[in-house]
Amino acid sequence: MRVRSAVLWLGAILAILAAAECRPASSPPRNLIVISIDTLRADALGCYGNERETSPGIDRIAANGVLFEDASATSPWTKPSHASLLTGLYPRRHGARSMEAVMATDAVHLASWLAERGFQTAAVVNSRYLTSHGLENGFIDFTSIDYIQGQRHGSPVTGAAIDWLKNRDATRRFFLLVHYMDVHSDYASLAEYEQRFVEPYDGPFTGSTRELYRVAEGDLRPDPSDIRHLRNLYDAGVRQIDDRIEQLLGFLKGEGLLEDSLLVITSDHGEEFMEHGGVLHGFSQHQEVIRIPLIFHGPGIPEDVRVSTPASLVDVLSTSLTALDVESPDDVDGAPLQETWSRDGTVADRFLYAEADISFPPPGRGAAPLGPHRAVRNDRYRLHYQTDTQTTRLFDLANDPGEQIDVAAQFPGITETLRDRLLMWLDASITTPERALTDEELDRLRSLGYVGQ
């Protein structure tokens, strides 16, 4: 009897295994939804360590997907980073590096690539600065919702995205980009969010861009209580945008689209709060500006996985196309990240880069411009390189994740290796045509802190 029982059990097990092998693999996501939250530093989210309840909605998505703990932007400001997100190229190759530069015409745009393969493509953005210089290429439907300075909230963006989803051709796959500006200065959230996150404060700072630019120029010097107040205002904006995203996710879930789509949540850059003597962004390449959230969620994406392997915005294109089972362009800088979460592996010989080509007046130097600056990192060390002075600084991210201690003198070999790698990499840089900015565009850039006040 025991032998017969064992045979029966063995037969049952073999039948189960055979059925599992015959079962078709899960289908790839049908659609792609990318949510870009402008100016969102990673540590502002609960899933990245913020102890305040700034992001319960995003945290739930992260808990049911893959979160990259060490993801980097390609630039400390909006245009180059978004161009990298949409092309899989670093700024040195897509060309949209300066305020006037136009994206290279031969750069393959994610929206164009998917449109050519039958996808509906749409974008809803909260900044007119993303409507020119080539970033709008390939989007069949492109909606720009202008913000009111000092009065931003993402409800119109969410509403426009939902309207597009309601009116799309439901028989076709789609790619939707949704861009929010609620976290960007001015730090002016709706009253209900400021009441929840902003502590009593009797100081002079309001969080306006004009005021923060004066700090960047060295005219104003905030004390620790001022910085705490500014960060509270910023956190209020994070919770505000989280609620708007939850509204969008609720619609997607109700329509059965959330479980049928690859969802990517990320940012273009972070924000400074005097970690290195500055505020706003674009002034430096430090981690508070370069480290961003990067979360993937959807069919084929494992749940509750945190990946420590360094990743970059340039990886989003290849990773998304791989997940969608769509071929990728041949010559991109990014890599599909599936290997890092499926086998806890790494991308071999990985170096990540960041670039800035706009001249900002850095903290403490008045109106003196800060020339083009670059950064390169491996899995542990990060090198900053100032191209006009050829000065270098090296930081050990394992022991100094906030980049406070320059260890270039202690590790000259590592410094030289990374510098040589960076200079060789920069040799392949291209120059693209420039388009003169209109007075209206200059005014908008001024309101965002990109042009002197």
Protein backbone atom coordinates (compact mmCIF):
# COMPACT_ATOMS: atom_id res chain seq x y z
CA MET A 1 0.00 0.00 0.00
CA ARG A 2 2.79 2.39 0.87
CA VAL A 3 4.48 1.78 -2.49
CA ARG A 4 1.18 2.36 -4.31
CA SER A 5 0.58 5.62 -2.37
CA ALA A 6 4.07 6.83 -3.16
CA VAL A 7 3.51 6.10 -6.85
CA LEU A 8 0.22 8.00 -6.78
CA TRP A 9 1.83 10.98 -5.05
CA LEU A 10 4.72 10.96 -7.54
CA GLY A 11 2.26 10.82 -10.42
CA ALA A 12 0.32 13.77 -9.02
CA ILE A 13 3.49 15.84 -8.59
CA LEU A 14 4.64 15.07 -12.14
CA ALA A 15 1.22 16.02 -13.49
CA ILE A 16 1.35 19.36 -11.68
CA LEU A 17 4.84 20.07 -13.00
CA ALA A 18 3.82 19.13 -16.53
CA ALA A 19 0.80 21.40 -16.34
CA ALA A 20 2.97 24.25 -15.11
CA GLU A 21 5.36 23.77 -18.02
CA CYS A 22 2.49 23.76 -20.50
CA ARG A 23 0.87 26.86 -18.99
CA PRO A 24 1.58 29.90 -21.16
CA ALA A 25 3.82 32.56 -19.68
CA SER A 26 2.09 35.69 -18.48
CA SER A 27 1.42 38.14 -21.28
CA PRO A 28 3.54 41.29 -21.43
CA PRO A 29 1.94 44.57 -20.40
CA ARG A 30 -0.36 45.91 -23.07
CA ASN A 31 0.30 49.59 -22.36
CA LEU A 32 2.96 51.93 -20.95
CA ILE A 33 2.25 54.74 -18.48
CA VAL A 34 5.14 56.92 -17.33
CA ILE A 35 4.56 59.37 -14.48
CA SER A 36 7.28 62.01 -14.15
CA ILE A 37 7.17 64.13 -11.00
CA ASP A 38 9.28 67.20 -11.61
CA THR A 39 11.82 68.09 -8.88
CA LEU A 40 11.07 65.05 -6.70
CA ARG A 41 14.11 63.88 -4.74
CA ALA A 42 14.02 60.21 -3.78
CA ASP A 43 14.16 60.69 -0.01
CA ALA A 44 10.96 62.73 -0.06
CA LEU A 45 8.96 59.50 -0.44
CA GLY A 46 8.07 57.10 2.34
CA CYS A 47 9.34 54.13 0.34
CA TYR A 48 12.74 55.88 0.18
CA GLY A 49 12.92 56.64 3.89
CA ASN A 50 10.79 59.71 4.61
CA GLU A 51 9.11 59.07 7.97
CA ARG A 52 6.29 61.50 7.23
CA GLU A 53 3.21 60.25 5.36
CA THR A 54 4.07 62.06 2.16
CA SER A 55 3.40 59.26 -0.31
CA PRO A 56 1.08 56.42 0.75
CA GLY A 57 -0.15 55.92 -2.81
CA ILE A 58 3.29 55.72 -4.39
CA ASP A 59 4.47 53.56 -1.48
CA ARG A 60 1.75 50.99 -2.24
CA ILE A 61 2.80 50.86 -5.89
CA ALA A 62 6.42 50.36 -4.81
CA ALA A 63 5.42 47.56 -2.42
CA ASN A 64 3.77 45.77 -5.33
CA GLY A 65 6.56 46.35 -7.81
CA VAL A 66 10.30 46.93 -8.18
CA LEU A 67 11.99 49.92 -6.55
CA PHE A 68 15.51 51.01 -7.47
CA GLU A 69 17.21 52.36 -4.37
CA ASP A 70 20.06 54.07 -6.22
CA ALA A 71 18.68 55.63 -9.41
CA SER A 72 20.21 58.74 -10.96
CA ALA A 73 19.05 61.52 -13.22
CA THR A 74 21.27 62.49 -16.15
CA SER A 75 21.18 66.20 -15.38
CA PRO A 76 20.21 68.47 -12.47
CA TRP A 77 17.50 70.22 -14.52
CA THR A 78 14.39 69.46 -16.49
CA LYS A 79 15.02 69.47 -20.23
CA PRO A 80 18.12 67.25 -20.50
CA SER A 81 16.75 64.70 -18.03
CA HIS A 82 13.38 64.40 -19.76
CA ALA A 83 15.14 64.06 -23.11
CA SER A 84 17.18 61.19 -21.60
CA LEU A 85 14.02 59.58 -20.25
CA LEU A 86 12.44 59.66 -23.71
CA THR A 87 15.48 58.65 -25.79
CA GLY A 88 17.62 56.40 -23.59
CA LEU A 89 20.54 58.71 -24.39
CA TYR A 90 22.74 60.88 -22.22
CA PRO A 91 22.68 64.63 -22.92
CA ARG A 92 26.01 64.48 -24.75
CA ARG A 93 24.22 62.40 -27.44
CA HIS A 94 20.63 63.68 -27.53
CA GLY A 95 21.96 67.25 -27.65
CA ALA A 96 19.29 69.01 -25.56
CA ARG A 97 21.86 70.23 -23.06
CA SER A 98 21.41 73.99 -22.90
CA MET A 99 18.31 76.15 -22.65
CA GLU A 100 18.32 76.89 -26.38
CA ALA A 101 19.56 73.52 -27.73
CA VAL A 102 17.20 71.39 -29.80
CA MET A 103 17.19 67.62 -29.47
CA ALA A 104 19.15 65.79 -32.18
CA THR A 105 16.94 64.85 -35.13
CA ASP A 106 18.42 61.35 -35.27
CA ALA A 107 17.72 60.62 -31.60
CA VAL A 108 15.07 57.90 -31.45
CA HIS A 109 12.15 59.17 -29.36
CA LEU A 110 10.23 56.59 -27.32
CA ALA A 111 6.88 58.01 -28.45
CA SER A 112 7.87 57.90 -32.12
CA TRP A 113 9.24 54.38 -31.75
CA LEU A 114 6.00 53.11 -30.23
CA ALA A 115 3.76 55.08 -32.61
CA GLU A 116 5.49 53.39 -35.54
CA ARG A 117 4.54 50.07 -33.95
CA GLY A 118 0.86 50.83 -33.62
CA PHE A 119 0.70 52.44 -30.17
CA GLN A 120 -1.43 55.47 -29.46
CA THR A 121 0.88 58.05 -27.91
CA ALA A 122 -0.15 60.90 -25.65
CA ALA A 123 1.42 63.27 -23.15
CA VAL A 124 -0.10 65.55 -20.54
CA VAL A 125 2.55 67.91 -19.20
CA ASN A 126 2.47 70.68 -16.63
CA SER A 127 5.12 72.89 -18.22
CA ARG A 128 5.26 74.57 -21.60
CA TYR A 129 9.01 74.14 -21.50
CA LEU A 130 8.45 70.48 -22.43
CA THR A 131 6.50 71.43 -25.56
CA SER A 132 9.47 72.53 -27.64
CA HIS A 133 13.06 71.63 -28.50
CA GLY A 134 12.01 68.19 -29.77
CA LEU A 135 10.67 66.68 -26.57
CA GLU A 136 7.13 66.63 -27.98
CA ASN A 137 8.16 64.53 -31.01
CA GLY A 138 6.15 61.37 -31.58
CA PHE A 139 3.22 62.21 -29.32
CA ILE A 140 0.10 62.14 -31.45
CA ASP A 141 -1.81 63.88 -28.67
CA PHE A 142 0.12 66.43 -26.63
CA THR A 143 -1.58 68.48 -23.92
CA SER A 144 0.26 71.23 -22.06
CA ILE A 145 -1.51 72.47 -18.95
CA ASP A 146 -0.01 75.76 -17.95
CA TYR A 147 0.61 76.38 -14.29
CA ILE A 148 -0.18 79.52 -12.36
CA GLN A 149 2.95 80.67 -10.57
CA GLY A 150 2.54 80.15 -6.84
CA GLN A 151 -0.66 78.17 -7.32
CA ARG A 152 0.19 74.74 -8.71
CA HIS A 153 -1.78 71.60 -8.14
CA GLY A 154 -2.00 68.49 -10.26
CA SER A 155 -5.78 68.15 -10.53
CA PRO A 156 -5.96 69.58 -14.09
CA VAL A 157 -3.15 67.25 -15.20
CA THR A 158 -4.87 64.21 -13.73
CA GLY A 159 -8.19 65.31 -15.20
CA ALA A 160 -6.72 65.73 -18.68
CA ALA A 161 -5.01 62.33 -18.47
CA ILE A 162 -8.27 60.66 -17.45
CA ASP A 163 -10.14 62.43 -20.26
CA TRP A 164 -7.63 61.14 -22.79
CA LEU A 165 -7.91 57.61 -21.42
CA LYS A 166 -11.70 57.75 -21.68
CA ASN A 167 -11.58 58.87 -25.31
CA ARG A 168 -8.75 56.71 -26.62
CA ASP A 169 -9.19 53.85 -29.07
CA ALA A 170 -9.61 50.96 -26.63
CA THR A 171 -8.66 48.41 -29.29
CA ARG A 172 -5.08 49.70 -29.48
CA ARG A 173 -2.11 49.70 -27.13
CA PHE A 174 -1.03 53.07 -25.78
CA PHE A 175 1.85 55.03 -24.26
CA LEU A 176 0.86 57.86 -21.91
CA LEU A 177 3.31 60.30 -20.31
CA VAL A 178 1.95 62.27 -17.35
CA HIS A 179 4.10 65.09 -15.98
CA TYR A 180 3.43 66.92 -12.69
CA MET A 181 4.97 70.15 -11.36
CA ASP A 182 3.45 70.37 -7.86
CA VAL A 183 6.77 69.81 -6.08
CA HIS A 184 8.67 72.49 -8.04
CA SER A 185 9.11 75.95 -6.54
CA ASP A 186 7.17 78.06 -5.77
CA TYR A 187 6.45 75.76 -2.82
CA ALA A 188 2.75 76.64 -2.75
CA SER A 189 0.44 73.71 -2.09
CA LEU A 190 -3.25 73.84 -1.34
CA ALA A 191 -4.08 74.93 2.20
CA GLU A 192 -5.19 71.48 3.33
CA TYR A 193 -1.71 70.08 2.66
CA GLU A 194 0.17 72.96 4.23
CA GLN A 195 -1.96 72.60 7.34
CA ARG A 196 -0.92 68.94 7.61
CA PHE A 197 2.80 69.32 6.93
CA VAL A 198 3.90 72.86 7.77
CA GLU A 199 4.75 73.56 11.40
CA PRO A 200 4.30 77.00 13.02
CA TYR A 201 6.93 79.38 11.65
CA ASP A 202 7.49 83.11 12.10
CA GLY A 203 10.46 83.55 9.77
CA PRO A 204 10.66 85.44 6.47
CA PHE A 205 10.74 82.59 3.94
CA THR A 206 7.70 81.74 1.82
CA GLY A 207 9.20 79.26 -0.65
CA SER A 208 8.89 81.50 -3.70
CA THR A 209 11.32 80.94 -6.56
CA ARG A 210 12.37 84.58 -6.54
CA GLU A 211 13.27 84.34 -2.87
CA LEU A 212 15.15 81.06 -3.32
CA TYR A 213 17.10 82.47 -6.23
CA ARG A 214 18.33 85.23 -3.91
CA VAL A 215 19.58 82.48 -1.60
CA ALA A 216 21.36 80.85 -4.54
CA GLU A 217 23.00 84.17 -5.42
CA GLY A 218 24.17 84.64 -1.84
CA ASP A 219 21.93 87.62 -1.03
CA LEU A 220 19.90 85.71 1.58
CA ARG A 221 21.14 83.15 4.07
CA PRO A 222 18.54 80.84 5.64
CA ASP A 223 19.13 79.41 9.10
CA PRO A 224 18.19 75.83 10.09
CA SER A 225 14.63 76.82 11.06
CA ASP A 226 14.16 78.44 7.65
CA ILE A 227 15.40 75.32 5.88
CA ARG A 228 13.11 73.14 7.97
CA HIS A 229 10.19 75.36 6.98
CA LEU A 230 11.10 75.17 3.29
CA ARG A 231 11.35 71.39 3.50
CA ASN A 232 7.94 71.24 5.20
CA LEU A 233 6.46 73.26 2.33
CA TYR A 234 8.14 70.90 -0.12
CA ASP A 235 6.79 67.81 1.68
CA ALA A 236 3.29 69.28 1.51
CA GLY A 237 3.67 69.39 -2.27
CA VAL A 238 4.78 65.77 -2.33
CA ARG A 239 1.64 64.64 -0.48
CA GLN A 240 -0.50 66.80 -2.75
CA ILE A 241 0.90 65.14 -5.86
CA ASP A 242 0.58 61.70 -4.28
CA ASP A 243 -3.16 62.28 -3.87
CA ARG A 244 -3.44 63.37 -7.52
CA ILE A 245 -1.59 60.25 -8.63
CA GLU A 246 -3.86 58.10 -6.46
CA GLN A 247 -6.82 59.64 -8.26
CA LEU A 248 -5.31 58.63 -11.61
CA LEU A 249 -4.46 55.15 -10.35
CA GLY A 250 -8.00 54.74 -9.04
CA PHE A 251 -9.37 55.42 -12.51
CA LEU A 252 -6.88 53.03 -14.10
CA LYS A 253 -7.82 50.30 -11.64
CA GLY A 254 -11.53 50.85 -12.17
CA GLU A 255 -11.10 50.52 -15.93
CA GLY A 256 -8.94 47.40 -15.64
CA LEU A 257 -5.95 49.28 -17.06
CA LEU A 258 -3.66 49.19 -14.02
CA GLU A 259 -3.23 45.42 -14.16
CA ASP A 260 -2.78 45.59 -17.95
CA SER A 261 -0.11 48.30 -18.09
CA LEU A 262 3.52 48.84 -17.21
CA LEU A 263 3.61 51.77 -14.81
CA VAL A 264 6.83 53.72 -14.32
CA ILE A 265 7.11 56.39 -11.61
CA THR A 266 10.18 58.59 -11.64
CA SER A 267 11.51 62.15 -11.59
CA ASP A 268 13.82 64.36 -13.64
CA HIS A 269 15.92 65.63 -10.71
CA GLY A 270 15.75 66.45 -7.01
CA GLU A 271 16.09 69.66 -5.01
CA GLU A 272 18.71 71.20 -2.71
CA PHE A 273 18.04 72.25 0.87
CA MET A 274 21.47 73.63 1.82
CA GLU A 275 23.16 70.22 2.01
CA HIS A 276 26.01 71.82 0.08
CA GLY A 277 25.16 75.46 0.66
CA GLY A 278 22.50 75.87 -2.01
CA VAL A 279 18.81 75.62 -2.83
CA LEU A 280 16.71 74.92 -5.94
CA HIS A 281 18.48 72.71 -8.54
CA GLY A 282 20.87 72.96 -11.46
CA PHE A 283 23.65 74.41 -9.32
CA SER A 284 25.40 71.13 -8.55
CA GLN A 285 25.63 67.44 -9.34
CA HIS A 286 25.29 66.28 -5.73
CA GLN A 287 23.07 63.38 -4.74
CA GLU A 288 20.25 65.52 -3.36
CA VAL A 289 19.71 66.74 -6.94
CA ILE A 290 20.74 63.66 -8.94
CA ARG A 291 19.26 60.78 -6.91
CA ILE A 292 15.68 60.16 -8.00
CA PRO A 293 12.91 57.61 -7.44
CA LEU A 294 12.51 54.85 -10.02
CA ILE A 295 9.67 52.35 -9.64
CA PHE A 296 8.28 49.73 -12.06
CA HIS A 297 4.89 48.05 -11.59
CA GLY A 298 2.75 45.81 -13.76
CA PRO A 299 2.50 42.43 -15.47
CA GLY A 300 5.76 40.53 -15.34
CA ILE A 301 7.19 42.82 -12.66
CA PRO A 302 7.82 41.05 -9.33
CA GLU A 303 6.30 42.43 -6.16
CA ASP A 304 8.05 44.03 -3.20
CA VAL A 305 11.55 43.93 -4.70
CA ARG A 306 14.17 46.53 -3.85
CA VAL A 307 17.22 46.65 -6.11
CA SER A 308 20.48 48.18 -4.91
CA THR A 309 22.18 48.09 -8.32
CA PRO A 310 22.73 51.66 -9.58
CA ALA A 311 20.35 52.65 -12.39
CA SER A 312 19.77 55.70 -14.55
CA LEU A 313 17.00 57.52 -16.39
CA VAL A 314 18.57 56.30 -19.63
CA ASP A 315 17.56 52.75 -18.61
CA VAL A 316 13.82 53.47 -18.63
CA LEU A 317 13.44 53.20 -22.41
CA SER A 318 15.16 49.81 -22.79
CA THR A 319 13.57 48.39 -19.64
CA SER A 320 10.08 49.48 -20.71
CA LEU A 321 10.41 48.17 -24.26
CA THR A 322 11.75 44.84 -22.99
CA ALA A 323 8.78 44.53 -20.63
CA LEU A 324 6.36 45.40 -23.46
CA ASP A 325 8.01 42.77 -25.70
CA VAL A 326 8.86 45.47 -28.23
CA GLU A 327 12.28 45.59 -29.86
CA SER A 328 14.60 48.38 -28.74
CA PRO A 329 16.62 50.82 -30.85
CA ASP A 330 20.12 49.56 -31.50
CA ASP A 331 22.27 52.40 -30.24
CA VAL A 332 21.08 53.65 -26.85
CA ASP A 333 23.04 54.36 -23.69
CA GLY A 334 20.65 52.62 -21.32
CA ALA A 335 20.23 48.94 -20.53
CA PRO A 336 17.23 46.75 -19.70
CA LEU A 337 17.15 46.35 -15.93
CA GLN A 338 15.22 43.08 -15.78
CA GLU A 339 18.40 41.13 -15.02
CA THR A 340 18.96 43.16 -11.85
CA TRP A 341 15.67 42.16 -10.30
CA SER A 342 15.28 38.65 -11.70
CA ARG A 343 18.67 37.39 -10.52
CA ASP A 344 19.80 40.20 -8.23
CA GLY A 345 22.50 40.80 -10.79
CA THR A 346 24.31 43.86 -12.04
CA VAL A 347 24.85 45.49 -15.40
CA ALA A 348 28.45 44.64 -16.22
CA ASP A 349 31.10 47.38 -16.19
CA ARG A 350 28.51 50.01 -15.37
CA PHE A 351 29.34 53.69 -15.24
CA LEU A 352 26.63 56.31 -14.82
CA TYR A 353 27.00 59.91 -15.93
CA ALA A 354 25.40 63.28 -15.28
CA GLU A 355 25.85 66.56 -17.13
CA ALA A 356 24.93 70.22 -16.75
CA ASP A 357 25.58 72.85 -19.41
CA ILE A 358 23.75 75.91 -18.16
CA SER A 359 25.51 78.71 -16.32
CA PHE A 360 24.01 79.35 -12.92
CA PRO A 361 25.34 81.69 -10.25
CA PRO A 362 26.39 79.21 -7.57
CA PRO A 363 25.89 79.82 -3.85
CA GLY A 364 28.26 82.36 -2.37
CA ARG A 365 29.65 83.61 -5.68
CA GLY A 366 27.12 86.29 -6.49
CA ALA A 367 26.51 86.48 -10.23
CA ALA A 368 29.67 84.60 -11.24
CA PRO A 369 28.59 81.74 -13.52
CA LEU A 370 29.28 78.12 -12.80
CA GLY A 371 30.60 76.55 -15.99
CA PRO A 372 29.66 73.16 -17.42
CA HIS A 373 30.10 70.41 -14.89
CA ARG A 374 30.03 66.63 -15.19
CA ALA A 375 29.90 63.58 -12.95
CA VAL A 376 30.68 59.89 -13.38
CA ARG A 377 30.22 57.04 -10.94
CA ASN A 378 30.68 53.33 -10.58
CA ASP A 379 28.98 51.19 -7.97
CA ARG A 380 30.81 52.95 -5.11
CA TYR A 381 32.68 56.12 -6.07
CA ARG A 382 31.39 59.30 -7.70
CA LEU A 383 33.64 61.85 -9.39
CA HIS A 384 32.65 65.50 -9.97
CA TYR A 385 34.50 67.32 -12.75
CA GLN A 386 34.42 71.06 -13.46
CA THR A 387 35.24 71.47 -17.15
CA ASP A 388 36.29 75.12 -17.08
CA THR A 389 38.78 74.71 -14.21
CA GLN A 390 39.44 70.97 -14.71
CA THR A 391 39.05 70.43 -10.97
CA THR A 392 37.90 67.10 -9.59
CA ARG A 393 36.29 65.88 -6.39
CA LEU A 394 35.74 62.26 -5.41
CA PHE A 395 33.14 60.87 -3.02
CA ASP A 396 32.80 57.41 -1.49
CA LEU A 397 29.06 56.76 -1.69
CA ALA A 398 29.30 53.62 0.46
CA ASN A 399 30.60 55.54 3.48
CA ASP A 400 29.44 59.04 2.56
CA PRO A 401 26.12 58.86 0.64
CA GLY A 402 25.56 62.58 1.19
CA GLU A 403 28.84 63.47 -0.56
CA GLN A 404 30.26 65.62 2.23
CA ILE A 405 33.91 64.46 2.26
CA ASP A 406 36.16 64.81 -0.79
CA VAL A 407 38.47 61.77 -0.84
CA ALA A 408 40.27 62.51 -4.12
CA ALA A 409 43.60 63.01 -2.34
CA GLN A 410 43.21 59.69 -0.52
CA PHE A 411 42.42 57.72 -3.66
CA PRO A 412 44.40 59.27 -6.54
CA GLY A 413 44.24 56.09 -8.59
CA ILE A 414 40.46 55.88 -8.48
CA THR A 415 40.22 59.61 -9.18
CA GLU A 416 42.45 59.33 -12.25
CA THR A 417 40.63 56.26 -13.56
CA LEU A 418 37.20 57.86 -13.29
CA ARG A 419 38.41 61.18 -14.73
CA ASP A 420 39.99 59.47 -17.72
CA ARG A 421 36.83 57.44 -18.23
CA LEU A 422 34.73 60.60 -18.16
CA LEU A 423 36.95 62.54 -20.56
CA MET A 424 37.02 59.66 -23.02
CA TRP A 425 33.24 59.40 -22.80
CA LEU A 426 32.82 63.14 -23.39
CA ASP A 427 34.81 62.93 -26.64
CA ALA A 428 31.68 61.53 -28.28
CA SER A 429 29.60 64.62 -27.43
CA ILE A 430 27.59 66.27 -30.19
CA THR A 431 26.38 69.82 -30.75
CA THR A 432 22.83 70.38 -31.97
CA PRO A 433 21.18 73.50 -33.42
CA GLU A 434 19.84 76.10 -31.04
CA ARG A 435 16.55 77.94 -31.15
CA ALA A 436 16.33 81.43 -29.70
CA LEU A 437 14.02 81.64 -26.71
CA THR A 438 10.99 83.89 -26.93
CA ASP A 439 10.31 86.55 -24.30
CA GLU A 440 7.48 84.38 -22.98
CA GLU A 441 9.80 81.38 -22.63
CA LEU A 442 12.39 83.50 -20.85
CA ASP A 443 9.72 84.70 -18.42
CA ARG A 444 8.72 81.11 -17.70
CA LEU A 445 12.32 80.04 -17.19
CA ARG A 446 12.77 82.98 -14.85
CA SER A 447 9.73 81.89 -12.85
CA LEU A 448 11.26 78.41 -12.50
CA GLY A 449 14.61 79.73 -11.30
CA TYR A 450 16.56 78.90 -14.47
CA VAL A 451 17.21 82.53 -15.40
CA GLY A 452 18.26 85.41 -13.15
CA GLN A 453 15.40 87.16 -11.39
